[in-house]
Protein backbone atom coordinates (compact mmCIF):
# COMPACT_ATOMS: atom_id res chain seq x y z
CA MET A 1 -8.20 62.01 -10.31
CA HIS A 2 -8.68 58.31 -9.56
CA GLY A 3 -11.49 57.77 -12.05
CA LYS A 4 -9.40 55.99 -14.70
CA ALA A 5 -7.73 53.77 -12.09
CA VAL A 6 -11.14 52.74 -10.77
CA MET A 7 -12.27 51.97 -14.33
CA LYS A 8 -9.18 49.85 -15.03
CA LYS A 9 -9.88 47.77 -11.93
CA GLY A 10 -13.39 47.04 -13.22
CA ILE A 11 -15.10 48.96 -10.42
CA LEU A 12 -18.38 50.60 -11.39
CA TYR A 13 -18.50 53.86 -9.45
CA ALA A 14 -21.78 55.74 -9.06
CA PRO A 15 -21.22 59.41 -8.18
CA ASP A 16 -22.78 60.60 -4.94
CA PHE A 17 -25.12 63.11 -6.57
CA LEU A 18 -26.53 60.33 -8.76
CA VAL A 19 -27.00 57.95 -5.84
CA ASN A 20 -28.54 60.68 -3.65
CA ALA A 21 -30.85 62.05 -6.35
CA GLY A 22 -33.91 60.39 -4.83
CA GLY A 23 -33.50 62.32 -1.61
CA ILE A 24 -33.08 65.59 -3.49
CA ILE A 25 -36.17 64.88 -5.58
CA ASN A 26 -38.17 64.13 -2.43
CA CYS A 27 -36.98 67.36 -0.76
CA ALA A 28 -37.89 69.37 -3.85
CA TRP A 29 -41.41 67.98 -3.76
CA GLU A 30 -41.68 68.78 -0.05
CA ARG A 31 -40.87 72.42 -0.84
CA LYS A 32 -43.42 72.84 -3.62
CA GLY A 33 -46.28 70.84 -2.11
CA TYR A 34 -45.74 67.15 -1.61
CA ASN A 35 -47.08 64.83 -4.27
CA ARG A 36 -45.99 61.29 -3.44
CA LYS A 37 -46.96 59.85 -6.82
CA ALA A 38 -45.05 62.54 -8.72
CA ALA A 39 -42.01 62.24 -6.43
CA MET A 40 -41.91 58.46 -6.82
CA GLY A 41 -42.38 58.71 -10.58
CA GLN A 42 -39.53 61.15 -10.89
CA THR A 43 -37.35 59.04 -8.58
CA GLU A 44 -37.93 55.95 -10.74
CA GLY A 45 -36.13 57.77 -13.56
CA ILE A 46 -32.83 57.59 -11.63
CA TYR A 47 -32.31 54.00 -12.77
CA ASP A 48 -32.44 54.95 -16.45
CA THR A 49 -30.25 57.98 -15.83
CA ALA A 50 -27.65 55.77 -14.13
CA LEU A 51 -27.70 53.34 -17.06
CA ARG A 52 -27.20 56.23 -19.54
CA ILE A 53 -24.26 57.52 -17.49
CA PHE A 54 -22.65 54.07 -17.28
CA LYS A 55 -23.11 53.59 -21.03
CA ALA A 56 -21.66 57.02 -21.84
CA SER A 57 -18.70 56.23 -19.60
CA ALA A 58 -18.04 52.98 -21.45
CA ASP A 59 -18.68 54.40 -24.94
CA LEU A 60 -16.48 57.45 -24.40
CA ASP A 61 -13.92 55.63 -22.24
CA ILE A 62 -14.23 58.23 -19.51
CA PRO A 63 -14.77 57.78 -15.76
CA THR A 64 -18.37 57.61 -14.59
CA TYR A 65 -17.97 60.77 -12.50
CA LEU A 66 -17.03 62.67 -15.66
CA ALA A 67 -19.93 61.20 -17.65
CA ALA A 68 -22.28 62.15 -14.78
CA ASN A 69 -20.88 65.67 -14.61
CA GLN A 70 -21.35 66.11 -18.36
CA ALA A 71 -24.94 64.84 -18.14
CA ALA A 72 -25.70 67.20 -15.26
CA GLU A 73 -24.15 70.19 -17.03
CA HIS A 74 -26.13 69.38 -20.18
CA ARG A 75 -29.37 69.19 -18.18
CA ILE A 76 -28.64 72.50 -16.44
CA THR A 77 -27.96 74.17 -19.81
CA ILE A 78 -31.26 72.90 -21.24
CA ILE A 79 -33.21 74.11 -18.20
CA ARG A 80 -31.47 77.50 -18.25
CA GLU A 81 -32.09 77.96 -21.98
CA ALA A 82 -35.76 77.06 -21.54
CA GLY A 83 -36.03 79.77 -18.90
CA LEU A 84 -37.11 77.29 -16.24
CA ARG A 85 -36.22 77.63 -12.59
CA PHE A 86 -34.86 74.96 -10.30
């Protein structure tokens, strides 16, 4: 709703599920047998994901929350089609 207004003011908004992804990754690793190295490695990918979302937002002239939602939906579709489980 306010995404375009935020963009026009030059505010770079990072959606909560992007910012909190590290905690979710850590919790997922706790559930399947904690592997600190793997959890940290996966968490390091959040930076690149954020950059891709910010770039998509700018390239498509859409709010960052929408670019993030589209990226998440795309990832879910790929995982579902591969028959993988969350």
